[in-house]
Amino acid sequence: MLHLEPLDSDPQADGFADRVIFQTPGWLSFIAASQKAEVVVAAVKDGQTTVGYFTGLIVERYGFRVLGSPLPGWTTSFMGFNLAEGVSRRAAHEALFPYAYRVLKCSHVEVRDRWTTADDLAGTGWTWGEATTHRIDLRPDEDALFANMTSACRRAIRKAGKSGIVVEEATDAGFADEYYDQLRDVFAKQNLVPTYPVERVRALVEHVGPTGNLLLLRARDPEGRCVATAVLPWYRRTMYFWGGASYRPDQHLRPNEALIWYALSYAREHGVTEFDFVGR
């Protein structure tokens, strides 16, 4: 029977094939800072043998402790478990119950684990919910990747080049404010405001940027104005679309399509094999 034991530091779980960026120290420090949360890392034990790890964070809401791995609204994706080959995810989830409620004293637990299925949780007491997304396979060569796009998308990428759109990688502190100003314009189109503050973007750049696994992109028009931006964390096999924004008057230049095409090419050059849009 599996059980969980607390760890005081990052488990250095890079040897696990199911490791994703949202379980790494840089990302966890970003979530901890932006959510005022406590990082929880535990070893999954089979007797005295460590067969995996669990990653999550605890927040307090109205006097209750809540364990999220992650929780909605954290602008993050899969966390959950890293498990050795052949270790049951069902058994790992069953072991998390007593650890979360008895040891961590939490009143509610949510887990989003990429490799867990509905069958893994049937009859365990967990409530299952679907989380859909769209992924692009980056293993074909660049010509094949371009050919697999719709004709409208190919035209948009070509138009961006003809319009003089230039994409550049950003590393400066001002990027977060540029991105957020454009994001406000995106939401204003529907008389809404962004679902997170600019401090969230600044924290992401501060904590994840130094790891080398955060691609920040700007698209400039022929006059050199920044008209669109994109935020793309990546790690191992996957790049994720965390956020993108652009000014409405400049969207006819197709800067957003140019940003995505640049990101796909960058990802392939760095050995990434899939692009995840993180949502429908």
C-alpha atoms as a PDB file:
ATOM      1  CA  MET A   1       0.000   0.000   0.000  1.00  0.00           C
ATOM      2  CA  LEU A   2       1.325   3.423  -0.945  1.00  0.00           C
ATOM      3  CA  HIS A   3       1.666   6.306   1.494  1.00  0.00           C
ATOM      4  CA  LEU A   4       2.992   9.882   1.366  1.00  0.00           C
ATOM      5  CA  GLU A   5       5.775  11.410   3.440  1.00  0.00           C
ATOM      6  CA  PRO A   6       6.663  15.127   3.524  1.00  0.00           C
ATOM      7  CA  LEU A   7       9.862  16.504   1.978  1.00  0.00           C
ATOM      8  CA  ASP A   8      11.630  19.702   2.982  1.00  0.00           C
ATOM      9  CA  SER A   9      12.981  20.527  -0.471  1.00  0.00           C
ATOM     10  CA  ASP A  10      12.579  19.856  -4.190  1.00  0.00           C
ATOM     11  CA  PRO A  11      12.886  16.114  -4.796  1.00  0.00           C
ATOM     12  CA  GLN A  12      15.008  16.552  -7.947  1.00  0.00           C
ATOM     13  CA  ALA A  13      12.488  14.459  -9.843  1.00  0.00           C
ATOM     14  CA  ASP A  14      13.854  15.265 -13.297  1.00  0.00           C
ATOM     15  CA  GLY A  15      14.493  11.563 -13.806  1.00  0.00           C
ATOM     16  CA  PHE A  16      10.739  10.907 -14.005  1.00  0.00           C
ATOM     17  CA  ALA A  17       9.371  10.821 -17.544  1.00  0.00           C
ATOM     18  CA  ASP A  18       6.041  12.376 -16.458  1.00  0.00           C
ATOM     19  CA  ARG A  19       7.644  15.525 -15.000  1.00  0.00           C
ATOM     20  CA  VAL A  20       6.142  18.807 -16.346  1.00  0.00           C
ATOM     21  CA  ILE A  21       7.191  22.432 -15.873  1.00  0.00           C
ATOM     22  CA  PHE A  22       4.362  23.096 -13.411  1.00  0.00           C
ATOM     23  CA  GLN A  23       6.076  20.781 -10.895  1.00  0.00           C
ATOM     24  CA  THR A  24       9.477  22.486 -11.052  1.00  0.00           C
ATOM     25  CA  PRO A  25      10.873  24.767  -8.291  1.00  0.00           C
ATOM     26  CA  GLY A  26      10.751  27.941 -10.396  1.00  0.00           C
ATOM     27  CA  TRP A  27       7.094  27.445 -11.267  1.00  0.00           C
ATOM     28  CA  LEU A  28       6.131  26.519  -7.709  1.00  0.00           C
ATOM     29  CA  SER A  29       7.815  29.669  -6.378  1.00  0.00           C
ATOM     30  CA  PHE A  30       5.804  31.707  -8.910  1.00  0.00           C
ATOM     31  CA  ILE A  31       2.514  30.189  -7.732  1.00  0.00           C
ATOM     32  CA  ALA A  32       3.501  30.518  -4.071  1.00  0.00           C
ATOM     33  CA  ALA A  33       4.285  34.216  -4.556  1.00  0.00           C
ATOM     34  CA  SER A  34       1.219  35.069  -6.636  1.00  0.00           C
ATOM     35  CA  GLN A  35      -1.259  33.085  -4.508  1.00  0.00           C
ATOM     36  CA  LYS A  36       0.351  33.534  -1.068  1.00  0.00           C
ATOM     37  CA  ALA A  37       0.466  29.750  -0.927  1.00  0.00           C
ATOM     38  CA  GLU A  38       2.546  27.136   0.882  1.00  0.00           C
ATOM     39  CA  VAL A  39       4.380  24.661  -1.353  1.00  0.00           C
ATOM     40  CA  VAL A  40       3.758  20.983  -0.553  1.00  0.00           C
ATOM     41  CA  VAL A  41       6.118  18.318  -1.889  1.00  0.00           C
ATOM     42  CA  ALA A  42       5.786  14.723  -0.669  1.00  0.00           C
ATOM     43  CA  ALA A  43       7.451  11.431  -1.469  1.00  0.00           C
ATOM     44  CA  VAL A  44       5.200   8.586  -2.589  1.00  0.00           C
ATOM     45  CA  LYS A  45       6.391   5.503  -0.704  1.00  0.00           C
ATOM     46  CA  ASP A  46       5.861   1.804  -1.229  1.00  0.00           C
ATOM     47  CA  GLY A  47       7.103   0.567   2.129  1.00  0.00           C
ATOM     48  CA  GLN A  48      10.518   2.210   2.501  1.00  0.00           C
ATOM     49  CA  THR A  49      11.032   2.674  -1.245  1.00  0.00           C
ATOM     50  CA  THR A  50      10.344   6.021  -2.906  1.00  0.00           C
ATOM     51  CA  VAL A  51       8.331   5.366  -6.069  1.00  0.00           C
ATOM     52  CA  GLY A  52       7.267   8.912  -6.878  1.00  0.00           C
ATOM     53  CA  TYR A  53       6.420  12.409  -5.720  1.00  0.00           C
ATOM     54  CA  PHE A  54       3.378  14.625  -5.235  1.00  0.00           C
ATOM     55  CA  THR A  55       3.423  18.384  -5.835  1.00  0.00           C
ATOM     56  CA  GLY A  56       0.839  20.945  -4.699  1.00  0.00           C
ATOM     57  CA  LEU A  57       0.257  24.117  -2.706  1.00  0.00           C
ATOM     58  CA  ILE A  58      -1.953  25.026   0.250  1.00  0.00           C
ATOM     59  CA  VAL A  59      -3.983  28.218   0.517  1.00  0.00           C
ATOM     60  CA  GLU A  60      -6.333  29.371   3.274  1.00  0.00           C
ATOM     61  CA  ARG A  61      -9.862  30.401   2.335  1.00  0.00           C
ATOM     62  CA  TYR A  62     -12.318  31.604   4.993  1.00  0.00           C
ATOM     63  CA  GLY A  63     -10.390  29.754   7.681  1.00  0.00           C
ATOM     64  CA  PHE A  64     -10.154  26.475   5.720  1.00  0.00           C
ATOM     65  CA  ARG A  65      -6.968  24.946   4.349  1.00  0.00           C
ATOM     66  CA  VAL A  66      -7.283  23.945   0.692  1.00  0.00           C
ATOM     67  CA  LEU A  67      -4.766  21.785  -1.178  1.00  0.00           C
ATOM     68  CA  GLY A  68      -4.514  22.519  -4.875  1.00  0.00           C
ATOM     69  CA  SER A  69      -2.470  20.638  -7.405  1.00  0.00           C
ATOM     70  CA  PRO A  70      -3.451  23.079  -8.829  1.00  0.00           C
ATOM     71  CA  LEU A  71      -6.633  25.101  -8.130  1.00  0.00           C
ATOM     72  CA  PRO A  72      -8.664  26.965 -10.782  1.00  0.00           C
ATOM     73  CA  GLY A  73      -7.548  30.541 -11.293  1.00  0.00           C
ATOM     74  CA  TRP A  74      -3.864  29.892 -10.643  1.00  0.00           C
ATOM     75  CA  THR A  75      -3.049  30.222 -14.373  1.00  0.00           C
ATOM     76  CA  THR A  76      -1.208  26.946 -14.242  1.00  0.00           C
ATOM     77  CA  SER A  77      -1.845  23.490 -15.592  1.00  0.00           C
ATOM     78  CA  PHE A  78      -0.991  19.902 -14.650  1.00  0.00           C
ATOM     79  CA  MET A  79       0.677  19.145 -11.321  1.00  0.00           C
ATOM     80  CA  GLY A  80      -0.305  15.984  -9.468  1.00  0.00           C
ATOM     81  CA  PHE A  81       2.138  13.095  -9.346  1.00  0.00           C
ATOM     82  CA  ASN A  82       5.474  11.957 -10.727  1.00  0.00           C
ATOM     83  CA  LEU A  83       5.469   8.178 -10.577  1.00  0.00           C
ATOM     84  CA  ALA A  84       7.901   5.452 -11.543  1.00  0.00           C
ATOM     85  CA  GLU A  85       6.860   3.172 -14.389  1.00  0.00           C
ATOM     86  CA  GLY A  86       4.257   0.661 -13.303  1.00  0.00           C
ATOM     87  CA  VAL A  87       3.171   2.509 -10.150  1.00  0.00           C
ATOM     88  CA  SER A  88      -0.626   2.799  -9.925  1.00  0.00           C
ATOM     89  CA  ARG A  89      -2.026   6.329 -10.157  1.00  0.00           C
ATOM     90  CA  ARG A  90      -5.184   5.023  -8.538  1.00  0.00           C
ATOM     91  CA  ALA A  91      -3.177   3.897  -5.512  1.00  0.00           C
ATOM     92  CA  ALA A  92      -1.334   7.233  -5.436  1.00  0.00           C
ATOM     93  CA  HIS A  93      -4.598   9.183  -5.369  1.00  0.00           C
ATOM     94  CA  GLU A  94      -5.958   6.909  -2.639  1.00  0.00           C
ATOM     95  CA  ALA A  95      -2.815   7.583  -0.584  1.00  0.00           C
ATOM     96  CA  LEU A  96      -3.260  11.340  -1.018  1.00  0.00           C
ATOM     97  CA  PHE A  97      -6.620  11.357   0.815  1.00  0.00           C
ATOM     98  CA  PRO A  98      -5.330  10.545   4.330  1.00  0.00           C
ATOM     99  CA  TYR A  99      -2.213  12.646   3.808  1.00  0.00           C
ATOM    100  CA  ALA A 100      -4.190  15.733   2.768  1.00  0.00           C
ATOM    101  CA  TYR A 101      -6.902  15.470   5.413  1.00  0.00           C
ATOM    102  CA  ARG A 102      -5.086  13.994   8.414  1.00  0.00           C
ATOM    103  CA  VAL A 103      -1.510  15.193   8.018  1.00  0.00           C
ATOM    104  CA  LEU A 104      -1.953  18.517   6.200  1.00  0.00           C
ATOM    105  CA  LYS A 105      -5.325  19.235   7.871  1.00  0.00           C
ATOM    106  CA  CYS A 106      -6.944  20.333   4.601  1.00  0.00           C
ATOM    107  CA  SER A 107     -10.692  20.489   4.049  1.00  0.00           C
ATOM    108  CA  HIS A 108     -10.661  20.262   0.246  1.00  0.00           C
ATOM    109  CA  VAL A 109      -8.324  18.780  -2.380  1.00  0.00           C
ATOM    110  CA  GLU A 110      -8.135  19.235  -6.163  1.00  0.00           C
ATOM    111  CA  VAL A 111      -5.659  17.555  -8.506  1.00  0.00           C
ATOM    112  CA  ARG A 112      -5.031  18.009 -12.217  1.00  0.00           C
ATOM    113  CA  ASP A 113      -2.725  15.193 -13.282  1.00  0.00           C
ATOM    114  CA  ARG A 114      -2.062  14.776 -16.984  1.00  0.00           C
ATOM    115  CA  TRP A 115      -1.755  10.994 -16.918  1.00  0.00           C
ATOM    116  CA  THR A 116      -4.702  10.134 -14.623  1.00  0.00           C
ATOM    117  CA  THR A 117      -7.825   8.723 -16.295  1.00  0.00           C
ATOM    118  CA  ALA A 118     -11.451   8.414 -15.197  1.00  0.00           C
ATOM    119  CA  ASP A 119     -10.967   4.669 -14.746  1.00  0.00           C
ATOM    120  CA  ASP A 120      -8.073   5.333 -12.334  1.00  0.00           C
ATOM    121  CA  LEU A 121     -10.457   7.136  -9.987  1.00  0.00           C
ATOM    122  CA  ALA A 122     -13.628   5.045 -10.316  1.00  0.00           C
ATOM    123  CA  GLY A 123     -14.887   4.063  -6.875  1.00  0.00           C
ATOM    124  CA  THR A 124     -12.146   5.919  -4.984  1.00  0.00           C
ATOM    125  CA  GLY A 125     -14.228   8.834  -3.700  1.00  0.00           C
ATOM    126  CA  TRP A 126     -12.673  11.334  -6.068  1.00  0.00           C
ATOM    127  CA  THR A 127     -14.978  13.355  -8.353  1.00  0.00           C
ATOM    128  CA  TRP A 128     -13.767  13.345 -11.958  1.00  0.00           C
ATOM    129  CA  GLY A 129     -14.058  16.233 -14.394  1.00  0.00           C
ATOM    130  CA  GLU A 130     -12.901  16.509 -18.002  1.00  0.00           C
ATOM    131  CA  ALA A 131     -10.293  19.131 -18.937  1.00  0.00           C
ATOM    132  CA  THR A 132     -10.033  19.604 -22.692  1.00  0.00           C
ATOM    133  CA  THR A 133      -7.179  21.183 -24.611  1.00  0.00           C
ATOM    134  CA  HIS A 134      -5.666  21.304 -28.090  1.00  0.00           C
ATOM    135  CA  ARG A 135      -2.148  20.091 -28.877  1.00  0.00           C
ATOM    136  CA  ILE A 136      -0.012  20.304 -31.995  1.00  0.00           C
ATOM    137  CA  ASP A 137       2.473  17.553 -32.834  1.00  0.00           C
ATOM    138  CA  LEU A 138       5.811  19.245 -33.584  1.00  0.00           C
ATOM    139  CA  ARG A 139       7.651  16.140 -34.760  1.00  0.00           C
ATOM    140  CA  PRO A 140       7.010  16.696 -38.503  1.00  0.00           C
ATOM    141  CA  ASP A 141       9.539  18.953 -40.257  1.00  0.00           C
ATOM    142  CA  GLU A 142       8.780  22.660 -40.579  1.00  0.00           C
ATOM    143  CA  ASP A 143       7.467  22.409 -44.145  1.00  0.00           C
ATOM    144  CA  ALA A 144       5.038  19.652 -43.141  1.00  0.00           C
ATOM    145  CA  LEU A 145       3.975  21.591 -40.060  1.00  0.00           C
ATOM    146  CA  PHE A 146       3.185  24.644 -42.185  1.00  0.00           C
ATOM    147  CA  ALA A 147       1.357  22.535 -44.777  1.00  0.00           C
ATOM    148  CA  ASN A 148      -0.828  20.961 -42.078  1.00  0.00           C
ATOM    149  CA  MET A 149      -2.246  24.373 -41.119  1.00  0.00           C
ATOM    150  CA  THR A 150      -5.430  25.695 -42.648  1.00  0.00           C
ATOM    151  CA  SER A 151      -5.024  27.837 -45.732  1.00  0.00           C
ATOM    152  CA  ALA A 152      -6.356  30.836 -43.776  1.00  0.00           C
ATOM    153  CA  CYS A 153      -3.651  30.386 -41.145  1.00  0.00           C
ATOM    154  CA  ARG A 154      -0.911  30.079 -43.759  1.00  0.00           C
ATOM    155  CA  ARG A 155      -2.151  33.260 -45.448  1.00  0.00           C
ATOM    156  CA  ALA A 156      -2.141  35.086 -42.112  1.00  0.00           C
ATOM    157  CA  ILE A 157       1.477  34.098 -41.390  1.00  0.00           C
ATOM    158  CA  ARG A 158       2.558  35.192 -44.861  1.00  0.00           C
ATOM    159  CA  LYS A 159       0.645  38.469 -44.499  1.00  0.00           C
ATOM    160  CA  ALA A 160       2.446  39.203 -41.220  1.00  0.00           C
ATOM    161  CA  GLY A 161       5.774  38.917 -43.035  1.00  0.00           C
ATOM    162  CA  LYS A 162       4.616  41.096 -45.936  1.00  0.00           C
ATOM    163  CA  SER A 163       3.221  43.670 -43.473  1.00  0.00           C
ATOM    164  CA  GLY A 164       6.642  44.079 -41.907  1.00  0.00           C
ATOM    165  CA  ILE A 165       5.880  42.342 -38.598  1.00  0.00           C
ATOM    166  CA  VAL A 166       9.102  41.413 -36.804  1.00  0.00           C
ATOM    167  CA  VAL A 167       9.098  38.968 -33.865  1.00  0.00           C
ATOM    168  CA  GLU A 168      11.737  39.270 -31.139  1.00  0.00           C
ATOM    169  CA  GLU A 169      12.500  37.477 -27.906  1.00  0.00           C
ATOM    170  CA  ALA A 170      12.160  39.658 -24.801  1.00  0.00           C
ATOM    171  CA  THR A 171      14.103  39.562 -21.542  1.00  0.00           C
ATOM    172  CA  ASP A 172      13.535  43.051 -20.126  1.00  0.00           C
ATOM    173  CA  ALA A 173      11.475  43.939 -17.064  1.00  0.00           C
ATOM    174  CA  GLY A 174       9.083  46.111 -19.076  1.00  0.00           C
ATOM    175  CA  PHE A 175       7.648  43.170 -20.992  1.00  0.00           C
ATOM    176  CA  ALA A 176       5.045  42.326 -18.326  1.00  0.00           C
ATOM    177  CA  ASP A 177       3.517  45.808 -18.480  1.00  0.00           C
ATOM    178  CA  GLU A 178       3.466  45.797 -22.290  1.00  0.00           C
ATOM    179  CA  TYR A 179       1.723  42.445 -22.345  1.00  0.00           C
ATOM    180  CA  TYR A 180      -0.794  43.478 -19.711  1.00  0.00           C
ATOM    181  CA  ASP A 181      -1.677  46.736 -21.476  1.00  0.00           C
ATOM    182  CA  GLN A 182      -2.482  44.745 -24.603  1.00  0.00           C
ATOM    183  CA  LEU A 183      -4.408  42.187 -22.540  1.00  0.00           C
ATOM    184  CA  ARG A 184      -6.629  44.973 -21.179  1.00  0.00           C
ATOM    185  CA  ASP A 185      -7.419  45.948 -24.763  1.00  0.00           C
ATOM    186  CA  VAL A 186      -8.345  42.335 -25.586  1.00  0.00           C
ATOM    187  CA  PHE A 187     -10.786  42.135 -22.674  1.00  0.00           C
ATOM    188  CA  ALA A 188     -12.167  45.629 -23.330  1.00  0.00           C
ATOM    189  CA  LYS A 189     -13.521  44.341 -26.643  1.00  0.00           C
ATOM    190  CA  GLN A 190     -16.182  42.512 -24.575  1.00  0.00           C
ATOM    191  CA  ASN A 191     -16.449  45.195 -21.885  1.00  0.00           C
ATOM    192  CA  LEU A 192     -14.464  42.997 -19.484  1.00  0.00           C
ATOM    193  CA  VAL A 193     -11.235  43.261 -17.531  1.00  0.00           C
ATOM    194  CA  PRO A 194      -8.403  40.673 -17.263  1.00  0.00           C
ATOM    195  CA  THR A 195      -8.974  37.801 -14.848  1.00  0.00           C
ATOM    196  CA  TYR A 196      -5.616  38.343 -13.113  1.00  0.00           C
ATOM    197  CA  PRO A 197      -3.541  41.436 -12.198  1.00  0.00           C
ATOM    198  CA  VAL A 198      -0.324  42.616 -13.828  1.00  0.00           C
ATOM    199  CA  GLU A 199       1.531  41.473 -10.714  1.00  0.00           C
ATOM    200  CA  ARG A 200       0.806  37.881 -11.802  1.00  0.00           C
ATOM    201  CA  VAL A 201       2.748  38.418 -15.026  1.00  0.00           C
ATOM    202  CA  ARG A 202       5.605  40.166 -13.229  1.00  0.00           C
ATOM    203  CA  ALA A 203       5.867  37.271 -10.764  1.00  0.00           C
ATOM    204  CA  LEU A 204       5.934  34.759 -13.628  1.00  0.00           C
ATOM    205  CA  VAL A 205       8.787  36.592 -15.332  1.00  0.00           C
ATOM    206  CA  GLU A 206      10.662  37.027 -12.054  1.00  0.00           C
ATOM    207  CA  HIS A 207      10.460  33.418 -10.878  1.00  0.00           C
ATOM    208  CA  VAL A 208      10.361  31.367 -14.088  1.00  0.00           C
ATOM    209  CA  GLY A 209      12.361  33.614 -16.420  1.00  0.00           C
ATOM    210  CA  PRO A 210      15.756  32.796 -14.848  1.00  0.00           C
ATOM    211  CA  THR A 211      15.195  29.053 -15.389  1.00  0.00           C
ATOM    212  CA  GLY A 212      15.513  29.469 -19.156  1.00  0.00           C
ATOM    213  CA  ASN A 213      12.147  27.784 -19.662  1.00  0.00           C
ATOM    214  CA  LEU A 214      10.048  30.858 -20.378  1.00  0.00           C
ATOM    215  CA  LEU A 215       9.798  32.272 -23.904  1.00  0.00           C
ATOM    216  CA  LEU A 216       8.583  35.879 -24.025  1.00  0.00           C
ATOM    217  CA  LEU A 217       7.822  37.225 -27.492  1.00  0.00           C
ATOM    218  CA  ARG A 218       7.090  40.659 -28.945  1.00  0.00           C
ATOM    219  CA  ALA A 219       5.769  41.454 -32.387  1.00  0.00           C
ATOM    220  CA  ARG A 220       6.745  44.889 -33.712  1.00  0.00           C
ATOM    221  CA  ASP A 221       5.171  46.728 -36.644  1.00  0.00           C
ATOM    222  CA  PRO A 222       7.277  48.436 -39.362  1.00  0.00           C
ATOM    223  CA  GLU A 223       7.567  51.554 -37.169  1.00  0.00           C
ATOM    224  CA  GLY A 224       8.991  49.504 -34.308  1.00  0.00           C
ATOM    225  CA  ARG A 225       5.890  49.631 -32.084  1.00  0.00           C
ATOM    226  CA  CYS A 226       5.133  46.559 -29.998  1.00  0.00           C
ATOM    227  CA  VAL A 227       1.667  45.509 -31.191  1.00  0.00           C
ATOM    228  CA  ALA A 228       1.401  41.963 -29.803  1.00  0.00           C
ATOM    229  CA  THR A 229       2.997  39.734 -27.166  1.00  0.00           C
ATOM    230  CA  ALA A 230       3.007  36.093 -26.106  1.00  0.00           C
ATOM    231  CA  VAL A 231       4.047  34.206 -22.963  1.00  0.00           C
ATOM    232  CA  LEU A 232       5.132  30.594 -23.494  1.00  0.00           C
ATOM    233  CA  PRO A 233       6.630  28.384 -20.773  1.00  0.00           C
ATOM    234  CA  TRP A 234       8.272  25.196 -21.983  1.00  0.00           C
ATOM    235  CA  TYR A 235      10.024  22.166 -20.526  1.00  0.00           C
ATOM    236  CA  ARG A 236      11.194  18.938 -22.049  1.00  0.00           C
ATOM    237  CA  ARG A 237       8.630  17.690 -24.559  1.00  0.00           C
ATOM    238  CA  THR A 238       5.991  20.442 -24.266  1.00  0.00           C
ATOM    239  CA  MET A 239       5.581  24.185 -24.821  1.00  0.00           C
ATOM    240  CA  TYR A 240       2.460  25.804 -23.352  1.00  0.00           C
ATOM    241  CA  PHE A 241       0.521  28.877 -24.495  1.00  0.00           C
ATOM    242  CA  TRP A 242       0.204  30.744 -21.189  1.00  0.00           C
ATOM    243  CA  GLY A 243      -1.063  33.979 -22.680  1.00  0.00           C
ATOM    244  CA  GLY A 244      -1.145  36.206 -25.727  1.00  0.00           C
ATOM    245  CA  ALA A 245      -2.417  39.717 -26.398  1.00  0.00           C
ATOM    246  CA  SER A 246      -2.466  42.392 -29.083  1.00  0.00           C
ATOM    247  CA  TYR A 247      -3.867  45.833 -29.795  1.00  0.00           C
ATOM    248  CA  ARG A 248      -7.096  45.661 -31.780  1.00  0.00           C
ATOM    249  CA  PRO A 249      -6.211  48.340 -34.371  1.00  0.00           C
ATOM    250  CA  ASP A 250      -3.124  46.342 -35.384  1.00  0.00           C
ATOM    251  CA  GLN A 251      -4.618  42.880 -35.649  1.00  0.00           C
ATOM    252  CA  HIS A 252      -5.054  43.226 -39.430  1.00  0.00           C
ATOM    253  CA  LEU A 253      -1.252  42.940 -39.640  1.00  0.00           C
ATOM    254  CA  ARG A 254      -1.584  39.395 -38.215  1.00  0.00           C
ATOM    255  CA  PRO A 255       0.995  39.734 -35.430  1.00  0.00           C
ATOM    256  CA  ASN A 256      -0.609  36.977 -33.328  1.00  0.00           C
ATOM    257  CA  GLU A 257      -0.139  34.366 -36.049  1.00  0.00           C
ATOM    258  CA  ALA A 258       3.459  35.491 -36.496  1.00  0.00           C
ATOM    259  CA  LEU A 259       4.092  35.023 -32.772  1.00  0.00           C
ATOM    260  CA  ILE A 260       2.695  31.481 -32.752  1.00  0.00           C
ATOM    261  CA  TRP A 261       4.664  30.474 -35.841  1.00  0.00           C
ATOM    262  CA  TYR A 262       7.856  31.807 -34.245  1.00  0.00           C
ATOM    263  CA  ALA A 263       7.056  29.908 -31.046  1.00  0.00           C
ATOM    264  CA  LEU A 264       6.503  26.649 -32.941  1.00  0.00           C
ATOM    265  CA  SER A 265       9.845  27.025 -34.715  1.00  0.00           C
ATOM    266  CA  TYR A 266      11.620  27.898 -31.461  1.00  0.00           C
ATOM    267  CA  ALA A 267      10.086  24.891 -29.738  1.00  0.00           C
ATOM    268  CA  ARG A 268      11.200  22.486 -32.470  1.00  0.00           C
ATOM    269  CA  GLU A 269      14.747  23.883 -32.349  1.00  0.00           C
ATOM    270  CA  HIS A 270      14.845  23.175 -28.603  1.00  0.00           C
ATOM    271  CA  GLY A 271      13.696  19.567 -28.900  1.00  0.00           C
ATOM    272  CA  VAL A 272      10.074  20.196 -27.914  1.00  0.00           C
ATOM    273  CA  THR A 273       7.701  17.724 -29.575  1.00  0.00           C
ATOM    274  CA  GLU A 274       4.257  19.165 -28.761  1.00  0.00           C
ATOM    275  CA  PHE A 275       2.599  22.565 -28.369  1.00  0.00           C
ATOM    276  CA  ASP A 276      -0.266  22.760 -25.862  1.00  0.00           C
ATOM    277  CA  PHE A 277      -2.780  25.611 -26.183  1.00  0.00           C
ATOM    278  CA  VAL A 278      -3.954  24.908 -22.578  1.00  0.00           C
ATOM    279  CA  GLY A 279      -7.688  24.972 -23.236  1.00  0.00           C
ATOM    280  CA  ARG A 280     -10.092  24.602 -26.097  1.00  0.00           C
END
